[in-house]
Structure formats: structure tokens, C-alpha cells
Amino acid sequence: MLVSSLTDPVTGLLLEHDGLNDPALANAPNRAQNPHMHLYEAALQAFEMNTHAKWLERAENIRAIELDYLLDHSTNTITEFLTPDPSTLAGREGQRREVGQQCEWVWLLYREVKTFAIRKEQAEHAQTARSLTLLVFEKYFANRAAFANQLDDNGEPLWPDALSRLLYHLVLALTEGARAGLWPKPN
């Protein structure tokens, strides 16, 4: 069902619902990073629980699709939504980045690195996760009384509220990074 009905056969991106005849039509729902993030997390958890290779392959595939399509290389942040074709949305929606989602991606990338460190390509993903973490602190936290929830491309708040429900994302990103050995040890 997931592959046959909820995956764009051209891009591999997850679809918002199974009733789309042509996911590339202009009036189709936008592609969202959130379902990819949670499916990636579920595949990582499934592999950790039973070490079946299919779960590792699925996690790697989801991560690759996410980073290919939803990682904005100009800002090194994860885009919230793309158009159906898929390209960056115009205006403020295309600039939307949520700190909680950025932190959760960091946590998941660290989790993959920690769990599957035997694979050589994980070193590249460790650097991606570390760079994203530093960017999160520079953009969402530095020189602010409280973190900003959403920023535009220029680092200006789209939604300045610092929601307490997002703190667990930050804590998980930092602790998983420490467990994966990706933070420098203090002197």
C-alpha cells in the first residue's frame, strides 16, 4: 500500500493521500517533509528491534530521498513543503523552516550514524547532522532571548513564538549527537 498507493512513482516522495491519479498535477497536494521524517524514524526503530536488512534499506532510501529533494543546499536546512512537481514553494511558505523539525532531522541522522556506524557513508551523514545542528543554533537561538519557531531565508522570524512542545526535539538532537560521539569533548 505504501509503495503502490502513497509513493510518487517518479520521485519516490511520499504523497499526502492515496486518491491522487497524477501526483505531478499543479492542484495536487504539496509534498511534505514530515511523513518522510516519521517513516525514516519508524524504519530505524524497526531495524534496531529486529536487525532485518529490509528496514535498514528502507531507512537509507527514505533518508536519501529526503536529502535529495527537501534539503535546501543554499541554506543547509530541511524544507517543510515542496510543490507537486517538486520544486520550492514561492514566498513565505517556501522559506518556512521549523526549529523542531530541523532538530528532529538532526536527531534521526545522529541515530542512524550511531546505530549503523559500520557503513562508510555514515561519516558524510554525521557531518550533515553536525552542520545542521550548528546552523540551528546560529539561526534559531543565537542573539535571541528565546528561540524562534520559524524563520525565512534571511533568518527573520516567520513565527517568533518559542513553543515549549518543541524542546524535546532539541534535547534529542543534542543527546543523540553526544551518544554518536559527534561533539568535541570539553577540555
N, C-alpha and C. Protein backbone atom coordinates (compact mmCIF):
# COMPACT_ATOMS: atom_id res chain seq x y z
N MET A 1 0.83 -1.19 0.00
CA MET A 1 0.00 0.00 0.00
C MET A 1 0.88 1.25 0.00
N LEU A 2 1.89 1.28 0.88
CA LEU A 2 2.74 2.46 0.97
C LEU A 2 3.43 2.74 -0.36
N VAL A 3 4.01 1.72 -0.95
CA VAL A 3 4.73 1.91 -2.21
C VAL A 3 3.75 2.05 -3.37
N SER A 4 2.72 1.22 -3.42
CA SER A 4 1.81 1.23 -4.56
C SER A 4 0.86 2.41 -4.60
N SER A 5 0.47 2.94 -3.45
CA SER A 5 -0.55 3.99 -3.43
C SER A 5 -0.11 5.32 -2.84
N LEU A 6 0.93 5.33 -2.03
CA LEU A 6 1.30 6.56 -1.34
C LEU A 6 2.69 7.08 -1.70
N THR A 7 3.25 6.57 -2.77
CA THR A 7 4.58 7.00 -3.18
C THR A 7 4.52 7.47 -4.63
N ASP A 8 5.07 8.64 -4.89
CA ASP A 8 5.16 9.16 -6.25
C ASP A 8 6.11 8.25 -7.03
N PRO A 9 5.65 7.60 -8.10
CA PRO A 9 6.50 6.66 -8.81
C PRO A 9 7.69 7.32 -9.51
N VAL A 10 7.62 8.62 -9.75
CA VAL A 10 8.70 9.32 -10.43
C VAL A 10 9.80 9.74 -9.46
N THR A 11 9.41 10.35 -8.34
CA THR A 11 10.39 10.91 -7.41
C THR A 11 10.68 10.02 -6.21
N GLY A 12 9.73 9.16 -5.84
CA GLY A 12 9.86 8.37 -4.62
C GLY A 12 9.37 9.11 -3.39
N LEU A 13 8.95 10.36 -3.55
CA LEU A 13 8.43 11.14 -2.42
C LEU A 13 7.07 10.59 -1.98
N LEU A 14 6.80 10.66 -0.69
CA LEU A 14 5.52 10.22 -0.17
C LEU A 14 4.44 11.23 -0.53
N LEU A 15 3.24 10.71 -0.79
CA LEU A 15 2.09 11.54 -1.14
C LEU A 15 1.22 11.76 0.09
N GLU A 16 0.43 12.80 0.05
CA GLU A 16 -0.42 13.15 1.19
C GLU A 16 -1.63 12.24 1.34
N HIS A 17 -2.12 11.65 0.25
CA HIS A 17 -3.22 10.69 0.34
C HIS A 17 -3.20 9.80 -0.89
N ASP A 18 -3.95 8.72 -0.83
CA ASP A 18 -3.90 7.70 -1.88
C ASP A 18 -4.87 7.93 -3.03
N GLY A 19 -5.55 9.04 -3.06
CA GLY A 19 -6.53 9.31 -4.10
C GLY A 19 -6.00 10.11 -5.27
N LEU A 20 -4.71 10.23 -5.42
CA LEU A 20 -4.15 11.04 -6.50
C LEU A 20 -3.93 10.20 -7.75
N ASN A 21 -4.56 10.60 -8.85
CA ASN A 21 -4.32 9.91 -10.12
C ASN A 21 -3.00 10.35 -10.73
N ASP A 22 -2.69 11.63 -10.59
CA ASP A 22 -1.44 12.16 -11.13
C ASP A 22 -0.83 13.10 -10.09
N PRO A 23 0.17 12.62 -9.31
CA PRO A 23 0.73 13.43 -8.24
C PRO A 23 1.48 14.67 -8.72
N ALA A 24 1.78 14.77 -10.02
CA ALA A 24 2.51 15.93 -10.53
C ALA A 24 1.60 17.06 -10.98
N LEU A 25 0.28 16.86 -10.96
CA LEU A 25 -0.63 17.94 -11.36
C LEU A 25 -0.47 19.14 -10.44
N ALA A 26 -0.64 20.32 -11.00
CA ALA A 26 -0.45 21.56 -10.22
C ALA A 26 -1.39 21.64 -9.03
N ASN A 27 -2.57 21.03 -9.10
CA ASN A 27 -3.52 21.12 -7.98
C ASN A 27 -3.39 19.96 -7.00
N ALA A 28 -2.39 19.10 -7.17
CA ALA A 28 -2.13 18.02 -6.21
C ALA A 28 -1.58 18.64 -4.92
N PRO A 29 -1.73 17.95 -3.80
CA PRO A 29 -1.18 18.48 -2.55
C PRO A 29 0.34 18.61 -2.62
N ASN A 30 0.85 19.57 -1.88
CA ASN A 30 2.30 19.75 -1.79
C ASN A 30 2.95 18.53 -1.15
N ARG A 31 4.23 18.35 -1.42
CA ARG A 31 4.99 17.29 -0.78
C ARG A 31 5.49 17.86 0.55
N ALA A 32 5.42 17.05 1.58
CA ALA A 32 5.79 17.50 2.92
C ALA A 32 6.95 16.66 3.45
N GLN A 33 7.83 17.28 4.24
CA GLN A 33 8.94 16.55 4.83
C GLN A 33 8.49 15.67 5.98
N ASN A 34 7.42 16.03 6.67
CA ASN A 34 7.01 15.36 7.89
C ASN A 34 6.74 13.85 7.72
N PRO A 35 6.00 13.40 6.70
CA PRO A 35 5.81 11.95 6.59
C PRO A 35 7.11 11.20 6.33
N HIS A 36 8.03 11.82 5.61
CA HIS A 36 9.33 11.19 5.36
C HIS A 36 10.11 11.04 6.67
N MET A 37 10.07 12.09 7.48
CA MET A 37 10.79 12.07 8.75
C MET A 37 10.27 10.95 9.64
N HIS A 38 8.95 10.83 9.74
CA HIS A 38 8.39 9.83 10.65
C HIS A 38 8.53 8.41 10.10
N LEU A 39 8.49 8.23 8.80
CA LEU A 39 8.72 6.91 8.23
C LEU A 39 10.19 6.52 8.38
N TYR A 40 11.08 7.47 8.21
CA TYR A 40 12.51 7.25 8.44
C TYR A 40 12.74 6.79 9.89
N GLU A 41 12.13 7.49 10.82
CA GLU A 41 12.24 7.12 12.23
C GLU A 41 11.70 5.72 12.49
N ALA A 42 10.55 5.40 11.90
CA ALA A 42 9.96 4.07 12.10
C ALA A 42 10.84 2.98 11.52
N ALA A 43 11.43 3.22 10.36
CA ALA A 43 12.32 2.22 9.76
C ALA A 43 13.58 2.02 10.61
N LEU A 44 14.13 3.10 11.15
CA LEU A 44 15.29 2.97 12.04
C LEU A 44 14.93 2.15 13.28
N GLN A 45 13.76 2.45 13.85
CA GLN A 45 13.32 1.72 15.04
C GLN A 45 13.10 0.24 14.72
N ALA A 46 12.49 -0.05 13.59
CA ALA A 46 12.24 -1.44 13.21
C ALA A 46 13.56 -2.19 13.05
N PHE A 47 14.55 -1.56 12.43
CA PHE A 47 15.84 -2.22 12.28
C PHE A 47 16.51 -2.46 13.63
N GLU A 48 16.44 -1.48 14.51
CA GLU A 48 17.05 -1.64 15.83
C GLU A 48 16.39 -2.77 16.61
N MET A 49 15.10 -2.98 16.36
CA MET A 49 14.38 -4.01 17.10
C MET A 49 14.63 -5.42 16.56
N ASN A 50 14.77 -5.57 15.23
CA ASN A 50 14.92 -6.93 14.72
C ASN A 50 16.09 -7.13 13.75
N THR A 51 16.84 -6.10 13.47
CA THR A 51 18.02 -6.11 12.60
C THR A 51 17.78 -6.74 11.23
N HIS A 52 16.57 -6.70 10.76
CA HIS A 52 16.24 -7.21 9.42
C HIS A 52 16.72 -6.19 8.40
N ALA A 53 17.50 -6.63 7.42
CA ALA A 53 18.13 -5.74 6.45
C ALA A 53 17.12 -4.88 5.69
N LYS A 54 15.89 -5.36 5.48
CA LYS A 54 14.91 -4.58 4.73
C LYS A 54 14.62 -3.24 5.40
N TRP A 55 14.67 -3.19 6.75
CA TRP A 55 14.38 -1.94 7.46
C TRP A 55 15.53 -0.95 7.30
N LEU A 56 16.73 -1.45 7.33
CA LEU A 56 17.89 -0.59 7.11
C LEU A 56 17.85 -0.02 5.69
N GLU A 57 17.55 -0.85 4.71
CA GLU A 57 17.44 -0.38 3.33
C GLU A 57 16.34 0.66 3.18
N ARG A 58 15.21 0.43 3.84
CA ARG A 58 14.10 1.39 3.76
C ARG A 58 14.51 2.72 4.41
N ALA A 59 15.17 2.67 5.57
CA ALA A 59 15.61 3.90 6.24
C ALA A 59 16.58 4.68 5.35
N GLU A 60 17.54 3.97 4.78
CA GLU A 60 18.52 4.63 3.91
C GLU A 60 17.86 5.25 2.69
N ASN A 61 16.89 4.56 2.11
CA ASN A 61 16.18 5.06 0.94
C ASN A 61 15.38 6.32 1.27
N ILE A 62 14.68 6.29 2.39
CA ILE A 62 13.88 7.46 2.80
C ILE A 62 14.79 8.65 3.06
N ARG A 63 15.90 8.41 3.77
CA ARG A 63 16.84 9.50 4.03
C ARG A 63 17.39 10.07 2.73
N ALA A 64 17.75 9.21 1.80
CA ALA A 64 18.31 9.67 0.53
C ALA A 64 17.30 10.53 -0.24
N ILE A 65 16.06 10.09 -0.28
CA ILE A 65 15.02 10.86 -0.98
C ILE A 65 14.82 12.20 -0.29
N GLU A 66 14.75 12.17 1.03
CA GLU A 66 14.56 13.41 1.80
C GLU A 66 15.69 14.40 1.51
N LEU A 67 16.92 13.94 1.60
CA LEU A 67 18.04 14.85 1.41
C LEU A 67 18.17 15.28 -0.05
N ASP A 68 17.79 14.42 -0.99
CA ASP A 68 17.83 14.81 -2.41
C ASP A 68 16.82 15.90 -2.73
N TYR A 69 15.63 15.79 -2.18
CA TYR A 69 14.55 16.70 -2.55
C TYR A 69 14.30 17.83 -1.55
N LEU A 70 14.39 17.54 -0.26
CA LEU A 70 13.95 18.51 0.73
C LEU A 70 15.07 19.22 1.49
N LEU A 71 16.31 18.82 1.27
CA LEU A 71 17.43 19.56 1.85
C LEU A 71 17.73 20.74 0.94
N ASP A 72 17.57 21.94 1.47
CA ASP A 72 17.87 23.16 0.73
C ASP A 72 19.37 23.40 0.85
N HIS A 73 20.10 23.15 -0.23
CA HIS A 73 21.56 23.24 -0.19
C HIS A 73 22.05 24.68 -0.05
N SER A 74 21.22 25.66 -0.39
CA SER A 74 21.66 27.05 -0.23
C SER A 74 21.66 27.48 1.23
N THR A 75 20.81 26.85 2.06
CA THR A 75 20.76 27.20 3.48
C THR A 75 21.13 26.02 4.38
N ASN A 76 21.28 24.82 3.80
CA ASN A 76 21.54 23.59 4.56
C ASN A 76 20.47 23.33 5.61
N THR A 77 19.23 23.61 5.24
CA THR A 77 18.09 23.33 6.13
C THR A 77 17.10 22.45 5.40
N ILE A 78 16.22 21.83 6.16
CA ILE A 78 15.19 20.97 5.60
C ILE A 78 13.95 21.82 5.31
N THR A 79 13.51 21.77 4.07
CA THR A 79 12.31 22.48 3.63
C THR A 79 11.08 21.78 4.18
N GLU A 80 10.08 22.54 4.60
CA GLU A 80 8.85 21.94 5.11
C GLU A 80 7.99 21.36 3.99
N PHE A 81 7.85 22.10 2.89
CA PHE A 81 6.97 21.67 1.80
C PHE A 81 7.59 21.98 0.45
N LEU A 82 7.22 21.18 -0.55
CA LEU A 82 7.57 21.42 -1.94
C LEU A 82 6.29 21.40 -2.77
N THR A 83 6.35 21.99 -3.94
CA THR A 83 5.22 21.93 -4.87
C THR A 83 5.10 20.50 -5.40
N PRO A 84 3.99 20.14 -6.06
CA PRO A 84 3.84 18.79 -6.60
C PRO A 84 4.86 18.40 -7.65
N ASP A 85 5.56 19.37 -8.28
CA ASP A 85 6.43 18.99 -9.41
C ASP A 85 7.82 18.48 -9.11
N PRO A 86 8.49 18.35 -8.08
CA PRO A 86 8.56 19.09 -6.82
C PRO A 86 9.63 20.19 -6.90
N SER A 87 9.24 21.38 -6.59
CA SER A 87 10.18 22.49 -6.51
C SER A 87 9.82 23.32 -5.29
N THR A 88 10.65 24.29 -4.99
CA THR A 88 10.43 25.12 -3.81
C THR A 88 9.19 25.97 -3.97
N LEU A 89 8.40 26.02 -2.93
CA LEU A 89 7.21 26.89 -2.94
C LEU A 89 7.63 28.35 -3.00
N ALA A 90 6.81 29.16 -3.61
CA ALA A 90 7.09 30.60 -3.67
C ALA A 90 6.73 31.27 -2.35
N GLY A 91 7.35 32.41 -2.10
CA GLY A 91 7.00 33.25 -0.95
C GLY A 91 7.38 32.67 0.40
N ARG A 92 6.63 33.10 1.40
CA ARG A 92 6.92 32.73 2.79
C ARG A 92 6.81 31.23 3.04
N GLU A 93 5.86 30.57 2.39
CA GLU A 93 5.73 29.12 2.59
C GLU A 93 6.97 28.37 2.12
N GLY A 94 7.59 28.84 1.06
CA GLY A 94 8.81 28.22 0.57
C GLY A 94 10.01 28.48 1.46
N GLN A 95 9.92 29.54 2.26
CA GLN A 95 11.00 29.90 3.18
C GLN A 95 10.83 29.26 4.55
N ARG A 96 9.70 28.65 4.79
CA ARG A 96 9.36 28.12 6.12
C ARG A 96 10.30 27.00 6.54
N ARG A 97 10.89 27.17 7.71
CA ARG A 97 11.72 26.16 8.36
C ARG A 97 11.32 26.15 9.83
N GLU A 98 10.99 24.99 10.37
CA GLU A 98 10.58 24.90 11.77
C GLU A 98 11.71 24.29 12.59
N VAL A 99 12.05 24.95 13.67
CA VAL A 99 13.17 24.51 14.50
C VAL A 99 12.98 23.09 15.01
N GLY A 100 11.77 22.72 15.39
CA GLY A 100 11.53 21.36 15.88
C GLY A 100 11.82 20.32 14.83
N GLN A 101 11.42 20.59 13.59
CA GLN A 101 11.68 19.64 12.51
C GLN A 101 13.17 19.56 12.19
N GLN A 102 13.85 20.71 12.22
CA GLN A 102 15.29 20.71 11.97
C GLN A 102 16.00 19.86 13.02
N CYS A 103 15.61 20.05 14.29
CA CYS A 103 16.23 19.28 15.38
C CYS A 103 15.90 17.80 15.26
N GLU A 104 14.69 17.46 14.88
CA GLU A 104 14.34 16.05 14.78
C GLU A 104 15.12 15.38 13.65
N TRP A 105 15.35 16.09 12.55
CA TRP A 105 16.18 15.51 11.49
C TRP A 105 17.60 15.30 11.97
N VAL A 106 18.11 16.25 12.73
CA VAL A 106 19.45 16.08 13.30
C VAL A 106 19.49 14.83 14.17
N TRP A 107 18.52 14.69 15.05
CA TRP A 107 18.46 13.54 15.94
C TRP A 107 18.42 12.24 15.15
N LEU A 108 17.59 12.18 14.10
CA LEU A 108 17.48 10.95 13.32
C LEU A 108 18.76 10.64 12.55
N LEU A 109 19.39 11.68 11.99
CA LEU A 109 20.66 11.44 11.30
C LEU A 109 21.71 10.93 12.29
N TYR A 110 21.76 11.52 13.48
CA TYR A 110 22.69 11.04 14.51
C TYR A 110 22.35 9.60 14.89
N ARG A 111 21.06 9.33 15.02
CA ARG A 111 20.63 7.99 15.40
C ARG A 111 21.09 6.96 14.36
N GLU A 112 20.96 7.31 13.10
CA GLU A 112 21.43 6.41 12.05
C GLU A 112 22.94 6.22 12.13
N VAL A 113 23.67 7.29 12.34
CA VAL A 113 25.12 7.22 12.45
C VAL A 113 25.51 6.32 13.63
N LYS A 114 24.88 6.53 14.76
CA LYS A 114 25.20 5.76 15.96
C LYS A 114 24.86 4.29 15.79
N THR A 115 23.71 4.00 15.22
CA THR A 115 23.24 2.63 15.08
C THR A 115 23.95 1.88 13.98
N PHE A 116 24.26 2.59 12.90
CA PHE A 116 24.79 1.91 11.72
C PHE A 116 26.18 2.41 11.36
N ALA A 117 26.99 2.68 12.36
CA ALA A 117 28.32 3.26 12.13
C ALA A 117 29.24 2.36 11.33
N ILE A 118 28.88 1.12 11.13
CA ILE A 118 29.71 0.20 10.36
C ILE A 118 29.76 0.56 8.88
N ARG A 119 28.84 1.35 8.40
CA ARG A 119 28.80 1.73 6.99
C ARG A 119 29.60 3.01 6.76
N LYS A 120 30.44 3.00 5.74
CA LYS A 120 31.36 4.11 5.48
C LYS A 120 30.63 5.42 5.18
N GLU A 121 29.52 5.35 4.44
CA GLU A 121 28.83 6.58 4.05
C GLU A 121 28.21 7.33 5.22
N GLN A 122 28.14 6.68 6.38
CA GLN A 122 27.55 7.34 7.54
C GLN A 122 28.39 8.54 7.98
N ALA A 123 29.68 8.55 7.71
CA ALA A 123 30.53 9.68 8.09
C ALA A 123 30.04 10.96 7.42
N GLU A 124 29.62 10.86 6.18
CA GLU A 124 29.08 12.03 5.47
C GLU A 124 27.80 12.52 6.14
N HIS A 125 26.94 11.59 6.56
CA HIS A 125 25.69 11.97 7.20
C HIS A 125 25.94 12.52 8.60
N ALA A 126 26.98 12.05 9.26
CA ALA A 126 27.35 12.62 10.55
C ALA A 126 27.73 14.08 10.38
N GLN A 127 28.48 14.39 9.32
CA GLN A 127 28.85 15.79 9.06
C GLN A 127 27.62 16.63 8.71
N THR A 128 26.70 16.06 7.93
CA THR A 128 25.45 16.77 7.61
C THR A 128 24.68 17.09 8.88
N ALA A 129 24.56 16.10 9.76
CA ALA A 129 23.83 16.29 11.02
C ALA A 129 24.51 17.35 11.89
N ARG A 130 25.83 17.27 11.98
CA ARG A 130 26.56 18.25 12.79
C ARG A 130 26.41 19.66 12.22
N SER A 131 26.53 19.80 10.91
CA SER A 131 26.37 21.11 10.26
C SER A 131 24.97 21.67 10.48
N LEU A 132 23.97 20.80 10.37
CA LEU A 132 22.59 21.23 10.59
C LEU A 132 22.37 21.67 12.03
N THR A 133 22.97 20.94 12.98
CA THR A 133 22.85 21.33 14.39
C THR A 133 23.46 22.71 14.63
N LEU A 134 24.66 22.93 14.11
CA LEU A 134 25.31 24.24 14.28
C LEU A 134 24.48 25.34 13.64
N LEU A 135 23.93 25.06 12.47
CA LEU A 135 23.09 26.04 11.79
C LEU A 135 21.84 26.36 12.62
N VAL A 136 21.23 25.33 13.21
CA VAL A 136 20.05 25.54 14.06
C VAL A 136 20.39 26.51 15.19
N PHE A 137 21.53 26.30 15.84
CA PHE A 137 21.89 27.19 16.94
C PHE A 137 22.21 28.59 16.45
N GLU A 138 22.90 28.70 15.33
CA GLU A 138 23.24 30.02 14.80
C GLU A 138 22.00 30.80 14.39
N LYS A 139 21.04 30.14 13.76
CA LYS A 139 19.87 30.84 13.22
C LYS A 139 18.72 30.98 14.20
N TYR A 140 18.41 29.93 14.95
CA TYR A 140 17.21 29.93 15.78
C TYR A 140 17.45 30.38 17.22
N PHE A 141 18.73 30.30 17.69
CA PHE A 141 19.00 30.59 19.09
C PHE A 141 19.92 31.79 19.32
N ALA A 142 20.94 31.94 18.51
CA ALA A 142 21.95 32.97 18.75
C ALA A 142 21.33 34.37 18.76
N ASN A 143 21.73 35.15 19.75
CA ASN A 143 21.29 36.54 19.89
C ASN A 143 19.79 36.71 20.02
N ARG A 144 19.12 35.72 20.58
CA ARG A 144 17.67 35.79 20.82
C ARG A 144 17.41 35.49 22.29
N ALA A 145 16.40 36.13 22.84
CA ALA A 145 16.03 35.85 24.23
C ALA A 145 15.43 34.45 24.35
N ALA A 146 14.73 34.02 23.31
CA ALA A 146 14.16 32.67 23.23
C ALA A 146 14.25 32.25 21.77
N PHE A 147 14.28 30.95 21.52
CA PHE A 147 14.43 30.52 20.13
C PHE A 147 13.20 30.90 19.31
N ALA A 148 13.42 31.07 18.02
CA ALA A 148 12.32 31.37 17.09
C ALA A 148 11.82 30.05 16.51
N ASN A 149 10.52 29.92 16.34
CA ASN A 149 9.95 28.68 15.83
C ASN A 149 10.14 28.53 14.33
N GLN A 150 9.91 29.59 13.55
CA GLN A 150 10.05 29.52 12.10
C GLN A 150 10.79 30.74 11.60
N LEU A 151 11.72 30.51 10.66
CA LEU A 151 12.50 31.60 10.07
C LEU A 151 12.35 31.58 8.56
N ASP A 152 12.55 32.75 7.94
CA ASP A 152 12.59 32.80 6.48
C ASP A 152 14.04 32.64 6.01
N ASP A 153 14.27 32.78 4.70
CA ASP A 153 15.61 32.59 4.14
C ASP A 153 16.64 33.57 4.69
N ASN A 154 16.18 34.72 5.15
CA ASN A 154 17.08 35.75 5.68
C ASN A 154 17.29 35.63 7.18
N GLY A 155 16.71 34.59 7.80
CA GLY A 155 16.86 34.40 9.23
C GLY A 155 15.91 35.25 10.06
N GLU A 156 14.93 35.84 9.40
CA GLU A 156 13.94 36.65 10.12
C GLU A 156 12.77 35.76 10.53
N PRO A 157 12.24 35.97 11.74
CA PRO A 157 11.15 35.11 12.21
C PRO A 157 9.88 35.23 11.37
N LEU A 158 9.36 34.08 10.96
CA LEU A 158 8.03 34.00 10.37
C LEU A 158 7.02 33.75 11.48
N TRP A 159 7.46 33.01 12.49
CA TRP A 159 6.66 32.71 13.67
C TRP A 159 7.62 32.78 14.85
N PRO A 160 7.65 33.90 15.56
CA PRO A 160 8.66 34.10 16.60
C PRO A 160 8.41 33.36 17.91
N ASP A 161 7.23 32.77 18.08
CA ASP A 161 6.92 32.12 19.36
C ASP A 161 7.84 30.94 19.63
N ALA A 162 8.33 30.87 20.84
CA ALA A 162 9.17 29.75 21.28
C ALA A 162 8.26 28.76 21.99
N LEU A 163 7.85 27.71 21.29
CA LEU A 163 6.90 26.76 21.84
C LEU A 163 7.62 25.71 22.69
N SER A 164 7.15 25.51 23.90
CA SER A 164 7.80 24.55 24.80
C SER A 164 7.67 23.13 24.28
N ARG A 165 6.65 22.82 23.48
CA ARG A 165 6.48 21.46 22.96
C ARG A 165 7.59 21.06 22.01
N LEU A 166 8.38 22.02 21.55
CA LEU A 166 9.46 21.73 20.62
C LEU A 166 10.78 21.42 21.31
N LEU A 167 10.86 21.63 22.61
CA LEU A 167 12.12 21.43 23.30
C LEU A 167 12.61 19.99 23.26
N TYR A 168 11.68 19.02 23.22
CA TYR A 168 12.14 17.64 23.17
C TYR A 168 12.92 17.36 21.90
N HIS A 169 12.59 18.03 20.79
CA HIS A 169 13.36 17.86 19.56
C HIS A 169 14.82 18.28 19.79
N LEU A 170 14.99 19.40 20.44
CA LEU A 170 16.33 19.92 20.70
C LEU A 170 17.10 18.99 21.63
N VAL A 171 16.46 18.54 22.69
CA VAL A 171 17.13 17.65 23.64
C VAL A 171 17.55 16.35 22.95
N LEU A 172 16.68 15.78 22.15
CA LEU A 172 17.02 14.53 21.46
C LEU A 172 18.17 14.75 20.47
N ALA A 173 18.14 15.85 19.74
CA ALA A 173 19.22 16.12 18.78
C ALA A 173 20.56 16.22 19.50
N LEU A 174 20.60 16.93 20.60
CA LEU A 174 21.86 17.11 21.33
C LEU A 174 22.33 15.82 22.00
N THR A 175 21.42 15.09 22.65
CA THR A 175 21.84 13.87 23.33
C THR A 175 22.24 12.78 22.34
N GLU A 176 21.52 12.66 21.24
CA GLU A 176 21.90 11.64 20.25
C GLU A 176 23.23 12.00 19.59
N GLY A 177 23.46 13.28 19.36
CA GLY A 177 24.76 13.69 18.82
C GLY A 177 25.89 13.36 19.77
N ALA A 178 25.66 13.55 21.06
CA ALA A 178 26.68 13.21 22.06
C ALA A 178 26.91 11.70 22.10
N ARG A 179 25.83 10.93 22.04
CA ARG A 179 25.96 9.47 22.05
C ARG A 179 26.69 8.95 20.83
N ALA A 180 26.51 9.62 19.70
CA ALA A 180 27.19 9.21 18.47
C ALA A 180 28.64 9.67 18.43
N GLY A 181 29.06 10.45 19.46
CA GLY A 181 30.44 10.91 19.54
C GLY A 181 30.76 12.04 18.56
N LEU A 182 29.75 12.81 18.19
CA LEU A 182 29.95 13.84 17.18
C LEU A 182 30.21 15.22 17.75
N TRP A 183 30.20 15.35 19.05
CA TRP A 183 30.52 16.64 19.67
C TRP A 183 31.92 16.59 20.22
N PRO A 184 32.65 17.68 20.14
CA PRO A 184 34.01 17.69 20.72
C PRO A 184 33.92 17.54 22.23
N LYS A 185 34.87 16.80 22.77
CA LYS A 185 34.93 16.61 24.22
C LYS A 185 35.47 17.89 24.87
N PRO A 186 34.88 18.36 25.99
CA PRO A 186 35.40 19.54 26.66
C PRO A 186 36.75 19.24 27.29
N ASN A 187 37.57 20.26 27.38
CA ASN A 187 38.91 20.09 27.99
C ASN A 187 38.82 19.99 29.49
